[in-house]
Amino acid sequence: MKIAIMGYGTIGSGVAAVVERNAESIAKRVGEPVEVKYVLDLREFPGDPIQEKVIHDVDILVNDPEVSIVVETMGGVEPACTFVKKALAAGKSVTTSNKALVAKKGTELLDLAKENHVSFLFEASVGGGIPIIRPLNQCLTADEIVEITGILNGTTNYMLTKMDKEGMTFDAVLKEAQEKGYAEKDPTADIEGFDACRKIAILSSLAYGSQVDFEDIYTEGITKITDTDFKYARKMGTSIKLFGTSRRDGDKFHAMVAPVMIDASHPLYAVNDVFNGIMVEGNMVDKLMFYGRGAGSLPTASAVVADVVEMAKNPGKTLVQSWSTKKLPLADKGTWERKFFVRVAGGAEKKAQVEAAFGPVTYIEIEGLSEFAFVTPVMTEAAYEEKAAKVEGVLSMIRMDV
């Protein structure tokens, strides 16, 4: 069986390596050997074993009847979307690790695959090497999913872990993450939460069976989190993580990406460094945890090749994904209830203002700071915003899940 890889970067080269290294076990599972016939890229790779397979024209692989499966690891929406459409229309199944493509064009590409009796799979688009999409599609179909909460971005989790454990400042830890290759030169997609937003949109769409547009999800990154926040967190026995969360509440659906303060009782508390963790709660199965490396060449490539194997075992079939084009409207952010951790500039003279606005609160103070913090009772986001406007000198707020 011949496959083609579009994009020979970190993940594409990983796919080629997995196919070569695990050739024997893959052949056993598929029933025949799987071989990379083409690698589509703009560049040349002199000295690389795949050099002789490099092509620069997508139509070569699209028009080759020997190629039955295409792997898209280019990233971005275009030209990836155009190339994937060409492959699907030519009767080739496609797997992708590209969360931007899946979040933006997922239902369109699934419909095109169905029309052409092929499959469009995307296990590696969320959670890297962690199997999460197949369990949602196959293992949890007897459940109604109540909530999905995940640490979905390894870069930000690494940064927050360093700030927590070593007291590093945001700027210092971002520089270190870039030096280690965990963060891009332009880290905006990670630190502003956009990457996690696309991933929770994909998971929500699959869990609830309807299109959740990532543009509709309130998204807040980690750029406002400081080492001082972690001083308070340590005193409170909590930590701060960037969560992508979607939740079903009766007939309403909420989704959000934001930093959240959690304590040691939370299932995701111990997920540190570049690791990802995803908690899925079903109305029958209760809470399940998925944990592992959420990025990296070989872990992500492993998930891509798992899709290749699945499609190779089911030629001429459309492997169904429970994701319709019907849009799922999200409830207003203001209706979500939780506690809030709030920092205020000033001293004891401000506490009367706080209590007048919020009622009884729990105070946290750290010696040597010209500020204090407090934790609110459970209230809606809208109520918090209304009350916080009545307090002068609010420095910051972090949502809580404790």
Protein backbone atom coordinates (compact mmCIF):
# COMPACT_ATOMS: atom_id res chain seq x y z
CA MET A 1 0.00 0.00 0.00
CA LYS A 2 1.38 3.37 -1.07
CA ILE A 3 0.92 6.58 0.89
CA ALA A 4 1.98 10.20 0.30
CA ILE A 5 3.04 12.77 2.88
CA MET A 6 2.25 16.46 2.31
CA GLY A 7 4.70 18.56 4.31
CA TYR A 8 8.05 17.25 5.55
CA GLY A 9 8.47 19.23 8.75
CA THR A 10 8.59 17.99 12.33
CA ILE A 11 5.50 15.77 12.07
CA GLY A 12 5.81 14.77 8.41
CA SER A 13 9.38 13.53 8.95
CA GLY A 14 8.15 11.74 12.07
CA VAL A 15 5.49 9.93 10.03
CA ALA A 16 8.14 8.73 7.57
CA ALA A 17 10.28 7.53 10.49
CA VAL A 18 7.39 5.64 12.16
CA VAL A 19 6.39 3.96 8.89
CA GLU A 20 10.00 2.82 8.36
CA ARG A 21 10.87 1.80 11.93
CA ASN A 22 7.63 -0.03 12.63
CA ALA A 23 7.21 -1.42 9.11
CA GLU A 24 6.85 -5.03 10.25
CA SER A 25 4.19 -4.45 12.91
CA ILE A 26 2.27 -2.03 10.64
CA ALA A 27 2.29 -4.61 7.83
CA LYS A 28 0.86 -7.25 10.20
CA ARG A 29 -1.97 -4.97 11.28
CA VAL A 30 -2.81 -3.81 7.74
CA GLY A 31 -2.30 -7.15 6.02
CA GLU A 32 0.29 -5.79 3.58
CA PRO A 33 3.37 -3.52 3.70
CA VAL A 34 2.80 0.25 3.83
CA GLU A 35 5.31 2.39 1.94
CA VAL A 36 5.80 6.14 1.48
CA LYS A 37 5.81 6.79 -2.27
CA TYR A 38 5.86 10.62 -2.32
CA VAL A 39 6.78 13.49 -0.04
CA LEU A 40 5.31 16.82 -1.16
CA ASP A 41 7.32 19.86 -0.08
CA LEU A 42 8.65 23.10 -1.52
CA ARG A 43 12.15 22.26 -0.32
CA GLU A 44 14.79 19.70 -1.28
CA PHE A 45 16.33 17.42 1.34
CA PRO A 46 19.81 16.45 0.11
CA GLY A 47 21.25 13.52 2.05
CA ASP A 48 17.88 12.51 3.48
CA PRO A 49 16.71 8.99 2.51
CA ILE A 50 13.41 10.45 1.26
CA GLN A 51 15.11 12.85 -1.21
CA GLU A 52 14.29 10.63 -4.18
CA LYS A 53 10.60 10.68 -3.17
CA VAL A 54 10.28 14.47 -2.94
CA ILE A 55 7.85 16.12 -5.35
CA HIS A 56 6.78 19.76 -5.69
CA ASP A 57 3.47 19.35 -7.54
CA VAL A 58 0.45 18.06 -5.61
CA ASP A 59 -1.19 16.79 -8.81
CA ILE A 60 1.47 14.07 -9.12
CA LEU A 61 0.21 12.29 -5.99
CA VAL A 62 -3.43 13.19 -6.64
CA ASN A 63 -3.32 11.58 -10.10
CA ASP A 64 -1.35 8.48 -9.10
CA PRO A 65 -3.79 5.56 -8.70
CA GLU A 66 -1.22 3.68 -6.59
CA VAL A 67 -1.52 6.23 -3.76
CA SER A 68 -4.56 5.35 -1.66
CA ILE A 69 -3.84 7.35 1.51
CA VAL A 70 -2.54 10.91 1.93
CA VAL A 71 -1.04 12.32 5.15
CA GLU A 72 -1.38 16.12 5.55
CA THR A 73 1.16 17.63 7.95
CA MET A 74 1.66 21.03 6.33
CA GLY A 75 -0.16 23.14 8.94
CA GLY A 76 -2.33 26.18 8.34
CA VAL A 77 -5.64 26.30 6.48
CA GLU A 78 -4.31 27.04 2.98
CA PRO A 79 -3.01 25.54 0.78
CA ALA A 80 -3.62 22.47 2.98
CA CYS A 81 -7.40 22.63 2.53
CA THR A 82 -7.19 22.86 -1.27
CA PHE A 83 -4.74 19.95 -1.42
CA VAL A 84 -6.83 17.77 0.94
CA LYS A 85 -9.97 18.45 -1.12
CA LYS A 86 -8.13 17.40 -4.28
CA ALA A 87 -7.01 14.16 -2.64
CA LEU A 88 -10.47 13.32 -1.27
CA ALA A 89 -12.13 14.11 -4.62
CA ALA A 90 -9.64 11.74 -6.27
CA GLY A 91 -10.81 8.90 -4.01
CA LYS A 92 -7.93 8.96 -1.54
CA SER A 93 -8.41 8.82 2.22
CA VAL A 94 -6.70 11.59 4.19
CA THR A 95 -5.39 11.90 7.73
CA THR A 96 -4.17 15.18 9.19
CA SER A 97 -2.51 16.53 12.33
CA ASN A 98 -3.61 20.06 11.42
CA LYS A 99 -5.95 21.46 14.12
CA ALA A 100 -6.39 24.78 12.30
CA LEU A 101 -7.68 22.93 9.23
CA VAL A 102 -9.95 20.58 11.21
CA ALA A 103 -11.41 23.35 13.39
CA LYS A 104 -12.16 25.57 10.37
CA LYS A 105 -13.06 23.06 7.64
CA GLY A 106 -13.77 19.78 9.47
CA THR A 107 -17.43 19.26 8.52
CA GLU A 108 -16.82 20.29 4.90
CA LEU A 109 -13.98 17.77 4.53
CA LEU A 110 -15.93 15.01 6.30
CA ASP A 111 -18.82 15.52 3.87
CA LEU A 112 -16.46 15.43 0.88
CA ALA A 113 -14.90 12.20 2.15
CA LYS A 114 -18.35 10.63 2.51
CA GLU A 115 -19.31 11.67 -1.04
CA ASN A 116 -16.21 9.91 -2.39
CA HIS A 117 -16.46 6.78 -0.17
CA VAL A 118 -13.19 7.50 1.59
CA SER A 119 -12.23 8.65 5.09
CA PHE A 120 -11.01 11.87 6.65
CA LEU A 121 -9.38 11.23 10.04
CA PHE A 122 -7.61 13.61 12.43
CA GLU A 123 -6.61 11.82 15.64
CA ALA A 124 -3.34 13.77 15.89
CA SER A 125 -5.02 17.19 15.62
CA VAL A 126 -5.73 17.19 19.38
CA GLY A 127 -3.42 15.91 22.09
CA GLY A 128 -0.52 14.83 19.86
CA GLY A 129 0.11 11.18 20.67
CA ILE A 130 -2.79 10.91 23.15
CA PRO A 131 -5.67 8.84 21.75
CA ILE A 132 -8.74 11.00 22.40
CA ILE A 133 -10.72 11.40 19.17
CA ARG A 134 -11.17 7.67 18.52
CA PRO A 135 -12.40 7.05 22.09
CA LEU A 136 -14.94 9.88 21.68
CA ASN A 137 -16.09 8.41 18.35
CA GLN A 138 -16.13 4.74 19.26
CA CYS A 139 -15.76 3.92 22.95
CA LEU A 140 -17.99 6.57 24.52
CA THR A 141 -20.93 6.54 22.12
CA ALA A 142 -23.24 5.05 24.79
CA ASP A 143 -22.64 8.07 27.02
CA GLU A 144 -23.79 11.63 26.92
CA ILE A 145 -20.66 13.71 27.37
CA VAL A 146 -21.21 16.16 30.22
CA GLU A 147 -17.81 17.88 30.22
CA ILE A 148 -14.42 17.92 28.53
CA THR A 149 -11.63 19.79 30.28
CA GLY A 150 -8.08 19.66 29.02
CA ILE A 151 -4.57 20.99 29.32
CA LEU A 152 -4.28 21.04 25.54
CA ASN A 153 -1.11 23.05 24.89
CA GLY A 154 2.30 21.75 25.96
CA THR A 155 4.08 25.09 25.53
CA THR A 156 1.90 27.00 27.98
CA ASN A 157 1.82 24.08 30.40
CA TYR A 158 5.64 24.00 30.40
CA MET A 159 5.74 27.75 31.06
CA LEU A 160 3.19 27.65 33.88
CA THR A 161 4.99 24.67 35.47
CA LYS A 162 8.29 26.57 35.49
CA MET A 163 6.63 29.64 36.97
CA ASP A 164 5.02 27.45 39.63
CA LYS A 165 7.98 25.24 40.59
CA GLU A 166 10.89 27.64 40.06
CA GLY A 167 9.33 31.09 40.55
CA MET A 168 10.34 32.25 37.06
CA THR A 169 8.81 35.35 35.51
CA PHE A 170 6.64 35.09 32.40
CA ASP A 171 9.22 36.80 30.14
CA ALA A 172 12.09 34.63 31.39
CA VAL A 173 10.22 31.38 30.97
CA LEU A 174 8.96 32.34 27.49
CA LYS A 175 12.56 32.98 26.41
CA GLU A 176 13.63 29.61 27.81
CA ALA A 177 10.73 27.83 26.08
CA GLN A 178 11.78 29.38 22.77
CA GLU A 179 15.42 28.39 23.30
CA LYS A 180 14.36 24.78 23.96
CA GLY A 181 12.14 24.70 20.87
CA TYR A 182 8.91 24.38 22.86
CA ALA A 183 7.68 27.82 21.78
CA GLU A 184 7.76 29.30 18.29
CA LYS A 185 9.59 32.52 17.46
CA ASP A 186 6.10 34.03 17.31
CA PRO A 187 4.41 32.32 20.29
CA THR A 188 1.06 34.11 19.91
CA ALA A 189 -1.02 31.02 19.03
CA ASP A 190 0.15 29.28 22.21
CA ILE A 191 0.34 32.03 24.83
CA GLU A 192 -2.89 33.75 23.76
CA GLY A 193 -4.79 30.44 23.93
CA PHE A 194 -5.68 30.20 20.22
CA ASP A 195 -4.15 26.72 19.83
CA ALA A 196 -6.09 25.36 22.82
CA CYS A 197 -9.25 27.06 21.52
CA ARG A 198 -9.13 25.19 18.21
CA LYS A 199 -8.57 21.91 20.00
CA ILE A 200 -11.47 22.30 22.44
CA ALA A 201 -13.67 23.31 19.48
CA ILE A 202 -12.81 20.02 17.72
CA LEU A 203 -13.41 17.93 20.85
CA SER A 204 -16.68 19.73 21.60
CA SER A 205 -17.94 19.25 18.04
CA LEU A 206 -17.29 15.49 18.28
CA ALA A 207 -18.63 15.13 21.83
CA TYR A 208 -21.89 16.95 21.13
CA GLY A 209 -22.28 15.95 17.48
CA SER A 210 -22.69 19.49 16.12
CA GLN A 211 -20.37 22.20 14.84
CA VAL A 212 -18.78 24.32 17.57
CA ASP A 213 -17.10 27.30 15.92
CA PHE A 214 -13.81 28.23 17.58
CA GLU A 215 -14.58 31.90 16.89
CA ASP A 216 -17.51 31.63 19.35
CA ILE A 217 -15.36 30.39 22.25
CA TYR A 218 -14.24 32.97 24.80
CA THR A 219 -10.43 32.69 24.84
CA GLU A 220 -7.94 34.10 27.32
CA GLY A 221 -4.26 33.15 27.28
CA ILE A 222 -1.56 33.21 29.95
CA THR A 223 0.05 36.57 29.18
CA LYS A 224 -1.43 38.22 32.30
CA ILE A 225 -0.29 35.46 34.69
CA THR A 226 2.64 36.58 36.85
CA ASP A 227 5.06 35.06 39.33
CA THR A 228 3.12 36.93 42.05
CA ASP A 229 -0.02 34.95 41.13
CA PHE A 230 1.95 31.78 41.83
CA LYS A 231 3.07 33.10 45.23
CA TYR A 232 -0.58 33.31 46.20
CA ALA A 233 -1.30 29.94 44.59
CA ARG A 234 1.44 28.24 46.62
CA LYS A 235 0.11 29.78 49.85
CA MET A 236 -3.37 28.48 48.96
CA GLY A 237 -2.15 24.99 48.00
CA THR A 238 -3.26 25.51 44.42
CA SER A 239 -1.73 25.71 40.97
CA ILE A 240 -2.66 27.55 37.76
CA LYS A 241 -3.27 25.75 34.47
CA LEU A 242 -4.54 26.86 31.06
CA PHE A 243 -7.78 24.93 30.53
CA GLY A 244 -9.86 24.40 27.44
CA THR A 245 -13.29 23.42 28.75
CA SER A 246 -16.69 22.65 27.30
CA ARG A 247 -19.65 21.68 29.43
CA ARG A 248 -23.23 20.60 28.91
CA ASP A 249 -25.67 22.11 31.42
CA GLY A 250 -29.14 20.82 30.62
CA ASP A 251 -29.89 22.14 27.16
CA LYS A 252 -27.13 24.77 27.33
CA PHE A 253 -23.53 24.36 26.20
CA HIS A 254 -20.60 26.38 27.53
CA ALA A 255 -17.05 26.57 26.18
CA MET A 256 -14.05 28.61 27.29
CA VAL A 257 -10.26 28.75 27.23
CA ALA A 258 -8.72 30.50 30.25
CA PRO A 259 -6.23 30.10 33.10
CA VAL A 260 -7.85 28.29 36.03
CA MET A 261 -6.70 27.84 39.62
CA ILE A 262 -7.06 24.23 40.86
CA ASP A 263 -6.05 22.30 43.97
CA ALA A 264 -4.48 18.85 44.46
CA SER A 265 -7.88 17.12 44.35
CA HIS A 266 -8.33 18.01 40.67
CA PRO A 267 -7.48 15.19 38.21
CA LEU A 268 -5.31 17.54 36.10
CA TYR A 269 -3.32 19.01 39.01
CA ALA A 270 -0.27 16.76 38.43
CA VAL A 271 -0.10 17.30 34.63
CA ASN A 272 3.14 19.28 34.31
CA ASP A 273 5.82 20.36 31.83
CA VAL A 274 5.06 19.70 28.14
CA PHE A 275 2.52 16.98 28.90
CA ASN A 276 -1.17 17.23 28.08
CA GLY A 277 -4.07 15.85 30.06
CA ILE A 278 -7.72 15.60 29.02
CA MET A 279 -10.57 14.76 31.38
CA VAL A 280 -13.81 13.51 29.83
CA GLU A 281 -16.93 13.13 31.96
CA GLY A 282 -19.85 11.06 30.72
CA ASN A 283 -23.24 10.68 32.36
CA MET A 284 -22.69 6.91 32.71
CA VAL A 285 -18.93 6.34 32.72
CA ASP A 286 -18.18 9.31 35.05
CA LYS A 287 -14.65 10.79 34.75
CA LEU A 288 -11.96 9.41 32.41
CA MET A 289 -8.41 10.73 32.08
CA PHE A 290 -6.21 10.78 28.98
CA TYR A 291 -2.58 11.74 29.59
CA GLY A 292 0.61 11.85 27.55
CA ARG A 293 2.88 13.86 25.30
CA GLY A 294 0.70 16.37 23.52
CA ALA A 295 3.28 17.34 20.91
CA GLY A 296 6.59 16.29 19.40
CA SER A 297 7.59 14.55 16.22
CA LEU A 298 7.24 10.86 17.06
CA PRO A 299 4.30 10.94 19.53
CA THR A 300 2.19 12.98 17.09
CA ALA A 301 3.37 10.91 14.12
CA SER A 302 2.34 7.75 15.99
CA ALA A 303 -1.25 9.05 16.13
CA VAL A 304 -1.13 9.96 12.42
CA VAL A 305 0.10 6.49 11.45
CA ALA A 306 -2.63 4.92 13.62
CA ASP A 307 -5.12 6.70 11.34
CA VAL A 308 -3.22 5.38 8.29
CA VAL A 309 -3.53 1.82 9.63
CA GLU A 310 -7.24 2.28 10.35
CA MET A 311 -7.93 3.57 6.84
CA ALA A 312 -5.73 0.92 5.23
CA LYS A 313 -7.77 -1.79 6.97
CA ASN A 314 -11.01 -0.28 5.65
CA PRO A 315 -10.46 0.52 1.93
CA GLY A 316 -13.44 1.98 0.09
CA LYS A 317 -15.23 2.78 3.35
CA THR A 318 -16.03 6.03 5.11
CA LEU A 319 -15.08 5.77 8.76
CA VAL A 320 -17.86 7.80 10.35
CA GLN A 321 -17.22 10.78 12.64
CA SER A 322 -20.15 12.00 14.77
CA TRP A 323 -19.94 15.62 13.70
CA SER A 324 -22.78 17.29 11.79
CA THR A 325 -22.79 20.64 10.02
CA LYS A 326 -25.57 21.91 12.31
CA LYS A 327 -24.13 24.73 14.41
CA LEU A 328 -24.25 24.39 18.19
CA PRO A 329 -24.95 27.77 19.81
CA LEU A 330 -22.96 28.41 22.98
CA ALA A 331 -24.46 29.90 26.12
CA ASP A 332 -23.38 33.40 27.08
CA LYS A 333 -20.13 33.46 29.06
CA GLY A 334 -21.84 35.51 31.74
CA THR A 335 -24.03 32.57 32.81
CA TRP A 336 -21.10 30.31 33.79
CA GLU A 337 -20.85 29.89 37.59
CA ARG A 338 -17.63 29.51 39.60
CA LYS A 339 -15.45 31.09 42.30
CA PHE A 340 -12.94 33.82 41.41
CA PHE A 341 -9.49 34.65 42.79
CA VAL A 342 -9.01 38.43 42.77
CA ARG A 343 -5.99 40.64 43.54
CA VAL A 344 -6.49 44.22 44.71
CA ALA A 345 -3.96 47.04 45.13
CA GLY A 346 -3.94 48.65 48.59
CA GLY A 347 -4.41 47.53 52.15
CA ALA A 348 -7.07 46.95 54.77
CA GLU A 349 -8.91 50.16 53.84
CA LYS A 350 -10.08 48.45 50.61
CA LYS A 351 -11.67 45.47 52.38
CA ALA A 352 -14.85 47.40 53.20
CA GLN A 353 -15.31 48.03 49.46
CA VAL A 354 -14.71 44.35 48.69
CA GLU A 355 -17.24 43.16 51.27
CA ALA A 356 -19.81 45.74 50.22
CA ALA A 357 -19.57 44.43 46.64
CA PHE A 358 -19.01 40.70 47.15
CA GLY A 359 -20.29 39.94 50.64
CA PRO A 360 -18.28 37.46 52.76
CA VAL A 361 -14.99 36.51 51.04
CA THR A 362 -11.84 34.59 51.97
CA TYR A 363 -8.72 36.78 52.16
CA ILE A 364 -5.16 35.76 51.27
CA GLU A 365 -2.27 38.05 52.13
CA ILE A 366 1.46 37.82 51.46
CA GLU A 367 3.88 39.80 53.59
CA GLY A 368 5.82 42.52 51.79
CA LEU A 369 3.25 43.15 49.05
CA SER A 370 1.25 46.37 48.85
CA GLU A 371 -1.84 44.42 47.84
CA PHE A 372 -4.07 41.58 49.00
CA ALA A 373 -6.19 38.89 47.38
CA PHE A 374 -9.54 37.28 48.05
CA VAL A 375 -11.67 34.38 46.84
CA THR A 376 -15.31 35.08 46.03
CA PRO A 377 -18.30 32.84 46.73
CA VAL A 378 -19.68 30.93 43.72
CA MET A 379 -21.30 33.36 41.28
CA THR A 380 -21.85 33.88 37.57
CA GLU A 381 -19.27 35.58 35.38
CA ALA A 382 -21.75 38.41 34.80
CA ALA A 383 -22.24 38.89 38.55
CA TYR A 384 -18.47 38.93 39.09
CA GLU A 385 -17.96 41.63 36.45
CA GLU A 386 -20.73 43.76 37.95
CA LYS A 387 -19.35 43.46 41.49
CA ALA A 388 -15.67 43.91 40.51
CA ALA A 389 -16.57 47.23 38.86
CA LYS A 390 -17.48 48.54 42.34
CA VAL A 391 -14.00 47.84 43.78
CA GLU A 392 -11.17 50.27 43.06
CA GLY A 393 -7.73 48.91 42.23
CA VAL A 394 -8.57 45.39 40.99
CA LEU A 395 -5.24 44.13 39.60
CA SER A 396 -6.24 40.76 38.16
CA MET A 397 -8.67 37.85 38.31
CA ILE A 398 -8.19 34.12 37.83
CA ARG A 399 -11.09 31.70 37.62
CA MET A 400 -11.18 28.82 40.11
CA ASP A 401 -12.18 25.17 39.93
CA VAL A 402 -11.79 23.98 43.53
